[in-house]
Every structure is written in C-alpha cells, then in structure tokens.
N, C-alpha and C. Protein backbone atom coordinates (compact mmCIF):
# COMPACT_ATOMS: atom_id res chain seq x y z
N MET A 1 64.99 19.56 -20.61
CA MET A 1 65.93 18.47 -20.72
C MET A 1 65.32 17.20 -20.10
N ALA A 2 65.23 16.10 -20.82
CA ALA A 2 64.64 14.88 -20.27
C ALA A 2 65.68 14.19 -19.36
N LEU A 3 65.13 13.59 -18.28
CA LEU A 3 65.99 12.88 -17.35
C LEU A 3 66.20 11.44 -17.82
N ALA A 4 67.44 10.96 -17.67
CA ALA A 4 67.75 9.59 -18.00
C ALA A 4 67.57 8.75 -16.76
N THR A 5 66.73 7.72 -16.85
CA THR A 5 66.48 6.90 -15.67
C THR A 5 66.78 5.44 -15.95
N GLY A 6 67.52 5.16 -17.02
CA GLY A 6 67.82 3.80 -17.40
C GLY A 6 68.82 3.18 -16.47
N SER A 7 69.00 1.86 -16.61
CA SER A 7 69.95 1.14 -15.78
C SER A 7 70.59 0.04 -16.62
N VAL A 8 71.76 -0.43 -16.17
CA VAL A 8 72.46 -1.51 -16.77
C VAL A 8 72.70 -2.54 -15.68
N ASN A 9 72.18 -3.76 -15.87
CA ASN A 9 72.32 -4.82 -14.84
C ASN A 9 71.79 -4.34 -13.49
N GLY A 10 70.71 -3.57 -13.49
CA GLY A 10 70.11 -3.11 -12.25
C GLY A 10 70.76 -1.91 -11.63
N CYS A 11 71.81 -1.35 -12.26
CA CYS A 11 72.53 -0.18 -11.75
C CYS A 11 72.23 1.02 -12.61
N PRO A 12 72.22 2.23 -12.02
CA PRO A 12 71.99 3.43 -12.85
C PRO A 12 72.99 3.52 -13.98
N SER A 13 72.54 3.96 -15.14
CA SER A 13 73.43 4.05 -16.28
C SER A 13 74.37 5.22 -16.15
N ALA A 14 75.43 5.23 -17.00
CA ALA A 14 76.41 6.31 -16.95
C ALA A 14 75.73 7.64 -17.26
N LEU A 15 74.71 7.59 -18.17
CA LEU A 15 73.98 8.84 -18.48
C LEU A 15 73.23 9.34 -17.26
N SER A 16 72.61 8.42 -16.48
CA SER A 16 71.93 8.81 -15.29
C SER A 16 72.87 9.50 -14.31
N PHE A 17 74.05 8.92 -14.11
CA PHE A 17 75.06 9.53 -13.22
C PHE A 17 75.49 10.89 -13.75
N ALA A 18 75.58 11.02 -15.06
CA ALA A 18 75.97 12.33 -15.63
C ALA A 18 74.93 13.37 -15.33
N HIS A 19 73.66 13.03 -15.40
CA HIS A 19 72.61 13.98 -15.06
C HIS A 19 72.68 14.37 -13.58
N ARG A 20 73.02 13.38 -12.73
CA ARG A 20 73.14 13.68 -11.30
C ARG A 20 74.26 14.70 -11.04
N ARG A 21 75.38 14.54 -11.77
CA ARG A 21 76.45 15.53 -11.65
C ARG A 21 76.01 16.85 -12.15
N TRP A 22 75.20 16.91 -13.22
CA TRP A 22 74.74 18.17 -13.78
C TRP A 22 73.86 18.90 -12.79
N PHE A 23 72.99 18.18 -12.14
CA PHE A 23 72.09 18.80 -11.18
C PHE A 23 72.78 19.13 -9.84
N GLY A 24 73.86 18.42 -9.52
CA GLY A 24 74.47 18.58 -8.21
C GLY A 24 73.77 17.60 -7.26
N LEU A 25 74.25 17.54 -6.02
CA LEU A 25 73.76 16.60 -5.07
C LEU A 25 73.03 17.21 -3.90
N ARG A 26 73.09 18.47 -3.73
CA ARG A 26 72.55 19.16 -2.57
C ARG A 26 71.02 19.21 -2.58
N GLU A 27 70.44 18.91 -1.41
CA GLU A 27 69.00 19.04 -1.25
C GLU A 27 68.70 20.38 -0.57
N ARG A 28 67.60 21.02 -0.99
CA ARG A 28 67.19 22.31 -0.46
C ARG A 28 65.99 22.16 0.45
N LEU A 29 66.05 22.79 1.63
CA LEU A 29 64.94 22.68 2.59
C LEU A 29 63.79 23.57 2.10
N VAL A 30 62.60 22.97 2.05
CA VAL A 30 61.38 23.68 1.67
C VAL A 30 60.63 24.14 2.94
N ASP A 31 60.37 23.18 3.84
CA ASP A 31 59.79 23.57 5.14
C ASP A 31 60.09 22.42 6.17
N SER A 32 59.88 22.76 7.43
CA SER A 32 60.22 21.84 8.49
C SER A 32 59.14 21.89 9.57
N GLU A 33 58.84 20.70 10.14
CA GLU A 33 57.81 20.58 11.17
C GLU A 33 58.35 19.77 12.32
N THR A 34 58.26 20.27 13.55
CA THR A 34 58.66 19.49 14.72
C THR A 34 57.57 18.58 15.14
N LEU A 35 57.84 17.27 15.19
CA LEU A 35 56.84 16.26 15.52
C LEU A 35 56.85 15.88 16.99
N PHE A 36 58.02 15.97 17.60
CA PHE A 36 58.18 15.59 19.02
C PHE A 36 59.39 16.28 19.59
N GLU A 37 59.29 16.71 20.84
CA GLU A 37 60.45 17.30 21.51
C GLU A 37 60.49 16.74 22.93
N GLY A 38 61.53 15.97 23.23
CA GLY A 38 61.67 15.34 24.52
C GLY A 38 62.77 15.98 25.34
N ARG A 39 63.18 15.28 26.37
CA ARG A 39 64.23 15.79 27.27
C ARG A 39 65.56 15.89 26.57
N LEU A 40 65.85 14.94 25.71
CA LEU A 40 67.14 14.87 25.01
C LEU A 40 67.03 15.10 23.52
N LEU A 41 66.05 14.50 22.89
CA LEU A 41 65.95 14.43 21.43
C LEU A 41 64.76 15.22 20.93
N LYS A 42 64.86 15.62 19.66
CA LYS A 42 63.76 16.24 18.95
C LYS A 42 63.59 15.52 17.61
N LEU A 43 62.37 15.31 17.20
CA LEU A 43 62.09 14.68 15.92
C LEU A 43 61.39 15.69 15.01
N ARG A 44 61.95 15.86 13.81
CA ARG A 44 61.34 16.78 12.91
C ARG A 44 61.14 16.11 11.53
N ARG A 45 60.17 16.66 10.77
CA ARG A 45 59.94 16.19 9.40
C ARG A 45 60.30 17.34 8.48
N ASP A 46 61.26 17.15 7.62
CA ASP A 46 61.69 18.16 6.66
C ASP A 46 61.17 17.79 5.28
N ARG A 47 60.65 18.78 4.57
CA ARG A 47 60.32 18.59 3.15
C ARG A 47 61.46 19.26 2.36
N VAL A 48 62.05 18.49 1.48
CA VAL A 48 63.22 18.98 0.76
C VAL A 48 63.00 18.93 -0.76
N ARG A 49 63.67 19.77 -1.46
CA ARG A 49 63.68 19.74 -2.91
C ARG A 49 64.92 19.06 -3.40
N LEU A 50 64.75 18.00 -4.16
CA LEU A 50 65.87 17.22 -4.66
C LEU A 50 66.59 17.96 -5.79
N PRO A 51 67.76 17.52 -6.12
CA PRO A 51 68.55 18.20 -7.22
C PRO A 51 67.81 18.28 -8.55
N ASP A 52 66.91 17.31 -8.81
CA ASP A 52 66.18 17.34 -10.11
C ASP A 52 64.85 18.10 -10.03
N GLY A 53 64.58 18.74 -8.87
CA GLY A 53 63.36 19.54 -8.74
C GLY A 53 62.21 18.86 -8.04
N ARG A 54 62.25 17.56 -7.94
CA ARG A 54 61.18 16.87 -7.21
C ARG A 54 61.30 17.09 -5.73
N GLU A 55 60.28 16.77 -4.97
CA GLU A 55 60.29 16.96 -3.52
C GLU A 55 60.23 15.61 -2.81
N SER A 56 60.81 15.56 -1.63
CA SER A 56 60.79 14.34 -0.82
C SER A 56 60.71 14.72 0.67
N VAL A 57 60.56 13.77 1.53
CA VAL A 57 60.45 13.98 2.98
C VAL A 57 61.60 13.31 3.69
N ARG A 58 62.19 14.02 4.66
CA ARG A 58 63.24 13.45 5.48
C ARG A 58 62.83 13.55 6.95
N GLU A 59 62.87 12.43 7.65
CA GLU A 59 62.56 12.43 9.09
C GLU A 59 63.87 12.47 9.85
N ILE A 60 64.08 13.47 10.68
CA ILE A 60 65.37 13.75 11.28
C ILE A 60 65.30 13.72 12.81
N VAL A 61 66.17 12.98 13.43
CA VAL A 61 66.37 13.04 14.87
C VAL A 61 67.42 14.09 15.18
N VAL A 62 67.04 15.14 15.92
CA VAL A 62 67.94 16.23 16.26
C VAL A 62 68.58 15.91 17.61
N HIS A 63 69.89 15.86 17.63
CA HIS A 63 70.67 15.48 18.81
C HIS A 63 71.67 16.58 19.12
N PRO A 64 71.91 16.90 20.41
CA PRO A 64 72.84 18.00 20.72
C PRO A 64 74.31 17.68 20.48
N GLY A 65 74.63 16.43 20.17
CA GLY A 65 76.03 16.04 20.02
C GLY A 65 76.55 15.36 21.24
N ALA A 66 77.69 14.65 21.10
CA ALA A 66 78.18 13.84 22.21
C ALA A 66 79.69 13.70 22.11
N VAL A 67 80.24 13.13 23.16
CA VAL A 67 81.67 12.78 23.20
C VAL A 67 81.79 11.29 23.50
N ALA A 68 82.94 10.72 23.10
CA ALA A 68 83.31 9.38 23.46
C ALA A 68 84.79 9.41 23.84
N ILE A 69 85.15 8.67 24.85
CA ILE A 69 86.51 8.76 25.37
C ILE A 69 87.09 7.38 25.49
N VAL A 70 88.34 7.21 25.05
CA VAL A 70 89.08 5.97 25.30
C VAL A 70 90.09 6.30 26.40
N PRO A 71 89.81 5.92 27.66
CA PRO A 71 90.76 6.15 28.71
C PRO A 71 91.80 5.04 28.73
N MET A 72 93.10 5.40 28.59
CA MET A 72 94.17 4.41 28.55
C MET A 72 95.14 4.63 29.69
N ARG A 73 95.33 3.58 30.47
CA ARG A 73 96.25 3.63 31.58
C ARG A 73 97.68 3.49 31.12
N ASP A 74 98.64 3.81 31.97
CA ASP A 74 100.05 3.73 31.63
C ASP A 74 100.47 2.32 31.26
N ASP A 75 99.76 1.29 31.80
CA ASP A 75 100.10 -0.09 31.50
C ASP A 75 99.45 -0.61 30.23
N GLY A 76 98.77 0.28 29.48
CA GLY A 76 98.17 -0.10 28.19
C GLY A 76 96.75 -0.62 28.30
N GLN A 77 96.23 -0.69 29.52
CA GLN A 77 94.85 -1.15 29.64
C GLN A 77 93.89 0.01 29.36
N VAL A 78 92.72 -0.31 28.80
CA VAL A 78 91.70 0.68 28.57
C VAL A 78 90.54 0.45 29.58
N ILE A 79 89.86 1.52 29.90
CA ILE A 79 88.75 1.44 30.85
C ILE A 79 87.46 1.56 30.05
N LEU A 80 86.63 0.56 30.09
CA LEU A 80 85.34 0.53 29.41
C LEU A 80 84.25 0.50 30.47
N VAL A 81 83.00 0.67 30.01
CA VAL A 81 81.88 0.63 30.93
C VAL A 81 80.86 -0.36 30.36
N ARG A 82 80.30 -1.15 31.26
CA ARG A 82 79.25 -2.08 30.90
C ARG A 82 77.91 -1.52 31.45
N GLN A 83 76.93 -1.43 30.57
CA GLN A 83 75.64 -0.92 31.04
C GLN A 83 74.50 -1.53 30.26
N TYR A 84 73.34 -1.55 30.85
CA TYR A 84 72.15 -2.08 30.18
C TYR A 84 71.59 -0.98 29.27
N ARG A 85 71.33 -1.31 28.03
CA ARG A 85 70.77 -0.39 27.04
C ARG A 85 69.35 -0.85 26.73
N HIS A 86 68.35 -0.05 27.20
CA HIS A 86 66.98 -0.47 27.07
C HIS A 86 66.55 -0.63 25.60
N ALA A 87 67.10 0.21 24.74
CA ALA A 87 66.72 0.13 23.33
C ALA A 87 67.09 -1.18 22.68
N THR A 88 68.18 -1.80 23.20
CA THR A 88 68.64 -3.08 22.63
C THR A 88 68.15 -4.27 23.45
N GLY A 89 67.76 -4.00 24.68
CA GLY A 89 67.36 -5.10 25.58
C GLY A 89 68.49 -5.93 26.05
N LYS A 90 69.70 -5.39 26.06
CA LYS A 90 70.84 -6.18 26.49
C LYS A 90 71.94 -5.30 27.13
N MET A 91 72.89 -5.98 27.80
CA MET A 91 74.05 -5.30 28.34
C MET A 91 75.06 -5.08 27.21
N LEU A 92 75.65 -3.90 27.16
CA LEU A 92 76.63 -3.59 26.14
C LEU A 92 77.93 -3.10 26.84
N LEU A 93 79.07 -3.45 26.25
CA LEU A 93 80.37 -2.95 26.69
C LEU A 93 80.74 -1.79 25.78
N GLU A 94 81.00 -0.62 26.39
CA GLU A 94 81.21 0.58 25.63
C GLU A 94 82.37 1.40 26.18
N VAL A 95 82.88 2.32 25.36
CA VAL A 95 83.78 3.38 25.89
C VAL A 95 82.90 4.38 26.65
N PRO A 96 83.46 5.06 27.65
CA PRO A 96 82.72 6.11 28.29
C PRO A 96 82.27 7.15 27.27
N ALA A 97 81.07 7.67 27.47
CA ALA A 97 80.53 8.64 26.50
C ALA A 97 79.38 9.40 27.16
N GLY A 98 79.01 10.53 26.52
CA GLY A 98 77.94 11.29 27.07
C GLY A 98 77.53 12.43 26.16
N THR A 99 76.42 13.06 26.46
CA THR A 99 75.87 14.12 25.67
C THR A 99 76.35 15.47 26.09
N LEU A 100 76.56 16.32 25.12
CA LEU A 100 76.99 17.72 25.39
C LEU A 100 75.88 18.49 26.07
N ASN A 101 76.22 19.22 27.11
CA ASN A 101 75.27 20.19 27.65
C ASN A 101 75.24 21.42 26.79
N PRO A 102 74.20 22.24 26.91
CA PRO A 102 74.15 23.49 26.12
C PRO A 102 75.40 24.35 26.30
N ASN A 103 76.01 24.75 25.21
CA ASN A 103 77.20 25.63 25.18
C ASN A 103 78.43 24.99 25.85
N GLU A 104 78.43 23.67 26.05
CA GLU A 104 79.57 23.01 26.63
C GLU A 104 80.62 22.61 25.57
N ALA A 105 81.87 22.93 25.80
CA ALA A 105 82.91 22.53 24.89
C ALA A 105 83.12 20.99 24.95
N PRO A 106 83.39 20.37 23.80
CA PRO A 106 83.59 18.89 23.83
C PRO A 106 84.68 18.45 24.81
N GLU A 107 85.76 19.23 24.92
CA GLU A 107 86.84 18.85 25.85
C GLU A 107 86.31 18.84 27.31
N ASP A 108 85.53 19.84 27.68
CA ASP A 108 84.96 19.90 29.04
C ASP A 108 84.00 18.74 29.25
N CYS A 109 83.21 18.40 28.26
CA CYS A 109 82.25 17.31 28.35
C CYS A 109 83.00 16.00 28.52
N ALA A 110 84.10 15.81 27.80
CA ALA A 110 84.87 14.59 27.86
C ALA A 110 85.43 14.37 29.26
N LEU A 111 85.99 15.40 29.83
CA LEU A 111 86.57 15.26 31.17
C LEU A 111 85.44 15.02 32.18
N ARG A 112 84.31 15.63 32.03
CA ARG A 112 83.18 15.45 32.94
C ARG A 112 82.67 14.00 32.87
N GLU A 113 82.46 13.52 31.66
CA GLU A 113 81.93 12.18 31.49
C GLU A 113 82.94 11.14 31.96
N LEU A 114 84.22 11.36 31.70
CA LEU A 114 85.25 10.46 32.13
C LEU A 114 85.22 10.30 33.66
N GLN A 115 85.12 11.39 34.36
CA GLN A 115 85.10 11.36 35.83
C GLN A 115 83.80 10.73 36.32
N GLU A 116 82.66 11.08 35.71
CA GLU A 116 81.39 10.56 36.17
C GLU A 116 81.28 9.05 36.00
N GLU A 117 81.78 8.55 34.85
CA GLU A 117 81.56 7.15 34.51
C GLU A 117 82.64 6.24 34.99
N THR A 118 83.89 6.71 35.15
CA THR A 118 85.00 5.81 35.52
C THR A 118 85.64 6.19 36.87
N GLY A 119 85.44 7.38 37.38
CA GLY A 119 86.10 7.78 38.58
C GLY A 119 87.54 8.18 38.37
N TYR A 120 87.88 8.52 37.12
CA TYR A 120 89.22 8.98 36.76
C TYR A 120 89.15 10.35 36.10
N THR A 121 90.26 11.09 36.19
CA THR A 121 90.43 12.28 35.37
C THR A 121 91.70 12.06 34.56
N ALA A 122 91.99 12.94 33.61
CA ALA A 122 93.15 12.76 32.73
C ALA A 122 93.97 14.03 32.71
N THR A 123 95.31 13.82 32.71
CA THR A 123 96.20 15.01 32.57
C THR A 123 96.42 15.36 31.11
N HIS A 124 96.07 14.40 30.18
CA HIS A 124 96.22 14.70 28.77
C HIS A 124 95.01 14.17 28.02
N LEU A 125 94.40 15.03 27.26
CA LEU A 125 93.22 14.70 26.48
C LEU A 125 93.48 15.08 25.02
N GLU A 126 93.49 14.09 24.13
CA GLU A 126 93.78 14.33 22.74
C GLU A 126 92.53 14.08 21.90
N ARG A 127 92.15 15.11 21.18
CA ARG A 127 90.99 14.95 20.30
C ARG A 127 91.44 14.27 19.01
N LEU A 128 90.81 13.12 18.70
CA LEU A 128 91.21 12.34 17.53
C LEU A 128 90.40 12.67 16.30
N VAL A 129 89.11 12.43 16.32
CA VAL A 129 88.25 12.69 15.18
C VAL A 129 86.85 13.06 15.68
N SER A 130 86.06 13.56 14.76
CA SER A 130 84.61 13.72 15.01
C SER A 130 83.88 13.00 13.86
N PHE A 131 82.81 12.31 14.21
CA PHE A 131 82.11 11.53 13.19
C PHE A 131 80.60 11.53 13.46
N TYR A 132 79.83 11.45 12.38
CA TYR A 132 78.37 11.35 12.50
C TYR A 132 78.00 9.88 12.76
N LEU A 133 77.13 9.68 13.71
CA LEU A 133 76.76 8.31 14.09
C LEU A 133 75.83 7.67 13.07
N ALA A 134 74.83 8.39 12.61
CA ALA A 134 73.84 7.84 11.67
C ALA A 134 73.33 8.97 10.79
N PRO A 135 74.13 9.45 9.83
CA PRO A 135 73.77 10.65 9.08
C PRO A 135 72.55 10.51 8.22
N GLY A 136 72.05 9.30 8.03
CA GLY A 136 70.84 9.14 7.22
C GLY A 136 69.60 9.69 7.90
N TYR A 137 69.64 9.79 9.25
CA TYR A 137 68.43 10.25 9.95
C TYR A 137 68.72 11.05 11.22
N SER A 138 69.97 11.26 11.57
CA SER A 138 70.29 11.90 12.85
C SER A 138 71.36 12.97 12.65
N THR A 139 71.27 14.02 13.48
CA THR A 139 72.30 15.07 13.44
C THR A 139 73.43 14.79 14.42
N GLU A 140 73.38 13.70 15.14
CA GLU A 140 74.37 13.45 16.22
C GLU A 140 75.78 13.39 15.71
N LEU A 141 76.63 14.25 16.23
CA LEU A 141 78.05 14.29 15.92
C LEU A 141 78.81 13.91 17.20
N ILE A 142 79.64 12.89 17.08
CA ILE A 142 80.41 12.40 18.26
C ILE A 142 81.85 12.83 18.10
N HIS A 143 82.38 13.45 19.16
CA HIS A 143 83.78 13.86 19.21
C HIS A 143 84.54 12.81 20.04
N LEU A 144 85.59 12.24 19.43
CA LEU A 144 86.32 11.15 20.06
C LEU A 144 87.63 11.68 20.65
N PHE A 145 87.90 11.24 21.90
CA PHE A 145 89.12 11.66 22.61
C PHE A 145 89.88 10.43 23.13
N LEU A 146 91.20 10.58 23.17
CA LEU A 146 92.07 9.62 23.87
C LEU A 146 92.51 10.30 25.17
N ALA A 147 92.23 9.66 26.27
CA ALA A 147 92.60 10.22 27.59
C ALA A 147 93.72 9.41 28.20
N THR A 148 94.83 10.09 28.56
CA THR A 148 95.97 9.41 29.16
C THR A 148 96.42 10.23 30.37
N GLY A 149 97.37 9.67 31.09
CA GLY A 149 97.77 10.32 32.34
C GLY A 149 96.63 10.29 33.33
N LEU A 150 96.01 9.12 33.51
CA LEU A 150 94.83 8.99 34.33
C LEU A 150 95.16 9.01 35.81
N LYS A 151 94.26 9.70 36.56
CA LYS A 151 94.39 9.80 37.99
C LYS A 151 93.03 9.61 38.63
N PRO A 152 92.98 8.91 39.77
CA PRO A 152 91.67 8.71 40.40
C PRO A 152 91.05 10.05 40.78
N ALA A 153 89.73 10.12 40.67
CA ALA A 153 88.99 11.31 41.00
C ALA A 153 87.60 10.88 41.47
N ASP A 154 86.96 11.72 42.23
CA ASP A 154 85.61 11.42 42.69
C ASP A 154 84.67 11.45 41.48
N GLY A 155 83.93 10.40 41.30
CA GLY A 155 82.99 10.34 40.17
C GLY A 155 81.62 9.97 40.66
N LYS A 156 80.60 10.61 40.06
CA LYS A 156 79.22 10.31 40.40
C LYS A 156 78.40 10.27 39.12
N THR A 157 77.84 9.12 38.85
CA THR A 157 77.06 8.98 37.59
C THR A 157 75.72 9.67 37.75
N ASP A 158 75.05 9.89 36.57
CA ASP A 158 73.70 10.46 36.62
C ASP A 158 72.76 9.55 37.41
N GLU A 159 71.74 10.15 37.98
CA GLU A 159 70.81 9.39 38.86
C GLU A 159 70.17 8.21 38.14
N ASP A 160 69.92 8.35 36.83
CA ASP A 160 69.25 7.27 36.11
C ASP A 160 70.22 6.42 35.31
N GLU A 161 71.51 6.44 35.65
CA GLU A 161 72.50 5.74 34.89
C GLU A 161 73.27 4.78 35.82
N TRP A 162 73.29 3.51 35.48
CA TRP A 162 74.00 2.50 36.26
C TRP A 162 75.05 1.87 35.37
N VAL A 163 76.30 1.98 35.73
CA VAL A 163 77.41 1.44 34.92
C VAL A 163 78.38 0.67 35.78
N GLU A 164 79.10 -0.25 35.13
CA GLU A 164 80.14 -1.01 35.77
C GLU A 164 81.42 -0.82 34.95
N THR A 165 82.52 -0.44 35.57
CA THR A 165 83.77 -0.28 34.86
C THR A 165 84.46 -1.59 34.61
N VAL A 166 85.09 -1.71 33.44
CA VAL A 166 85.79 -2.92 33.06
C VAL A 166 87.11 -2.52 32.48
N MET A 167 88.17 -3.10 33.01
CA MET A 167 89.53 -2.79 32.49
C MET A 167 90.07 -4.00 31.76
N MET A 168 90.72 -3.76 30.62
CA MET A 168 91.33 -4.82 29.84
C MET A 168 92.41 -4.24 28.90
N PRO A 169 93.33 -5.10 28.51
CA PRO A 169 94.34 -4.61 27.51
C PRO A 169 93.62 -4.15 26.22
N LEU A 170 94.18 -3.14 25.60
CA LEU A 170 93.59 -2.69 24.32
C LEU A 170 93.51 -3.80 23.31
N ALA A 171 94.53 -4.64 23.26
CA ALA A 171 94.52 -5.75 22.28
C ALA A 171 93.31 -6.68 22.53
N GLU A 172 92.98 -6.93 23.78
CA GLU A 172 91.84 -7.78 24.06
C GLU A 172 90.54 -7.12 23.69
N ALA A 173 90.45 -5.78 23.89
CA ALA A 173 89.23 -5.07 23.45
C ALA A 173 89.06 -5.15 21.95
N VAL A 174 90.14 -5.02 21.20
CA VAL A 174 90.06 -5.14 19.73
C VAL A 174 89.66 -6.56 19.35
N ALA A 175 90.22 -7.54 20.07
CA ALA A 175 89.87 -8.94 19.77
C ALA A 175 88.39 -9.19 20.01
N GLN A 176 87.81 -8.57 21.05
CA GLN A 176 86.39 -8.72 21.30
C GLN A 176 85.56 -8.11 20.17
N ILE A 177 86.04 -7.03 19.59
CA ILE A 177 85.33 -6.44 18.41
C ILE A 177 85.33 -7.44 17.28
N LEU A 178 86.50 -8.06 17.00
CA LEU A 178 86.60 -8.98 15.89
C LEU A 178 85.80 -10.26 16.14
N ARG A 179 85.59 -10.61 17.39
CA ARG A 179 84.79 -11.78 17.69
C ARG A 179 83.28 -11.48 17.75
N GLY A 180 82.94 -10.21 17.55
CA GLY A 180 81.53 -9.78 17.59
C GLY A 180 80.98 -9.65 18.97
N GLU A 181 81.84 -9.54 19.98
CA GLU A 181 81.37 -9.43 21.36
C GLU A 181 81.10 -7.99 21.78
N ILE A 182 81.77 -7.03 21.12
CA ILE A 182 81.48 -5.63 21.34
C ILE A 182 80.61 -5.20 20.15
N GLU A 183 79.41 -4.69 20.45
CA GLU A 183 78.45 -4.43 19.40
C GLU A 183 78.12 -2.96 19.21
N ASP A 184 78.67 -2.09 20.04
CA ASP A 184 78.36 -0.69 19.98
C ASP A 184 79.25 -0.01 18.95
N ALA A 185 78.61 0.71 17.98
CA ALA A 185 79.36 1.23 16.86
C ALA A 185 80.42 2.27 17.25
N LYS A 186 80.08 3.18 18.13
CA LYS A 186 81.08 4.23 18.50
C LYS A 186 82.26 3.56 19.24
N THR A 187 82.01 2.52 20.01
CA THR A 187 83.08 1.82 20.71
C THR A 187 83.98 1.10 19.75
N MET A 188 83.40 0.49 18.71
CA MET A 188 84.21 -0.16 17.70
C MET A 188 85.11 0.85 17.02
N ALA A 189 84.54 1.95 16.56
CA ALA A 189 85.33 2.97 15.87
C ALA A 189 86.42 3.53 16.79
N ALA A 190 86.05 3.80 18.04
CA ALA A 190 86.99 4.43 18.97
C ALA A 190 88.18 3.54 19.27
N LEU A 191 87.90 2.29 19.57
CA LEU A 191 89.01 1.36 19.92
C LEU A 191 89.90 1.04 18.73
N LEU A 192 89.26 0.89 17.57
CA LEU A 192 90.07 0.60 16.37
C LEU A 192 90.97 1.76 15.96
N LEU A 193 90.42 2.98 16.11
CA LEU A 193 91.23 4.16 15.83
C LEU A 193 92.41 4.31 16.79
N VAL A 194 92.17 4.06 18.06
CA VAL A 194 93.23 4.16 19.04
C VAL A 194 94.25 3.01 18.82
N TRP A 195 93.79 1.83 18.47
CA TRP A 195 94.69 0.71 18.15
C TRP A 195 95.62 1.09 17.00
N GLN A 196 95.03 1.69 15.94
CA GLN A 196 95.83 2.12 14.80
C GLN A 196 96.85 3.18 15.24
N LYS A 197 96.42 4.11 16.13
CA LYS A 197 97.31 5.19 16.54
C LYS A 197 98.50 4.65 17.34
N VAL A 198 98.26 3.77 18.27
CA VAL A 198 99.35 3.33 19.15
C VAL A 198 100.27 2.34 18.43
N ASN A 199 99.76 1.75 17.35
CA ASN A 199 100.59 0.75 16.65
C ASN A 199 101.17 1.27 15.34
N GLU A 200 100.90 2.50 14.95
CA GLU A 200 101.47 3.02 13.70
C GLU A 200 102.95 3.27 13.89
N PRO A 201 103.71 3.02 12.84
CA PRO A 201 105.18 3.18 12.94
C PRO A 201 105.53 4.63 13.24
N SER A 202 106.56 4.79 14.05
CA SER A 202 107.02 6.18 14.36
C SER A 202 107.68 6.75 13.11
N PRO A 203 107.49 8.09 12.88
CA PRO A 203 108.07 8.71 11.67
C PRO A 203 109.59 8.72 11.74
C-alpha cells in the first residue's frame, strides 16, 4: 500500500490523515541507550519504530517525578517561594515543589516539601491533578495538591536550596500570571486550577 504524503495549503491531506489512522499512532521501542546518569536525571536515546514502519530517534530525560503544592491559608492567601533558578539565570516565583524520593508516595512528598520550603504543615491535603511537564522529551509527571488547614512547623530546606517565602492573595497571584510576572509553567497551572476550584459555583 503506497503512503499518501500530499498536502493542501501546507497541511497534511485528508488521505494522509486516513493513513495515519490506519497505521495507528503508537511508536514501538527498538532499543535504548543511556547517555548520561546524574544525581537526579538520566538521559537516554531511544530508537523507535514509527506507525508506518520507519525508524526514528527520541532523546528522553528520565525524571523520578515530582509534586507541586498550593498552600492556602484560611484568609485566602497563598504561600509561594522565590528562588534563583540557574537554568534560567533569574529569580522565579513558584509554588512549593520537589522531587519524589524512591518509593515515596506523592502525598508524603507533598507534606515533606511543604514543611521544608515554607515552614508549614497541612491538616488537609487534596490531590487535584497529575500532569506531564514536557512530554515531548521528559518523563516528569507532577502531582498537584491543594494544602489547607495550615499550621506552623519546623522546616529545613535542602543544603543546596535557598528560598524566600512570599504570601499574597490568590487573586493577586493570578493577576501576576496574566501580567507575565510569574513565568514558571507548573506554578501557572497550579494557581489557575486552584483559582477555578475556589471560584466555581457550588452545585
């Protein structure tokens, strides 16, 4: 069967899309090679077989997974953290977050990171969603939590982590997103999801 590769106005033709449906969309792993393994991340090169039988290469960052937490006080203020991110070369305002330890449940990780980064613990932890941060090249899956019923607790950040806590009304945090002042993707998603949750009409 010949493959249709035509296009209309620069877009794949209907026949091309039909062939894609016929072949399916799943890629099959042919072989995999680890290129680098560090303290946190691993980089591998996968050779895959495409749905039409051709082969291609995927470079994948393997990540153990992470949590992100929106800590909300009884007065409606959220607790964020400001920290320098070397990869961006700038200070970013973010929700508290951290990487899962081996065999650690996301709920346990969320409470640990909340205490370490903000000095608070929570009497109620609600898991909202889980989402892939960059599925085109990374396995990182982030589990998002809303933490309420906050109480002060002893917190100690990691030795190589320096953060500053920032409290503000949720509405102001959302406004900073819309003004382009908050640039971290997980923080944008987390705050907007919580904003939607607290403002949705009661059933």
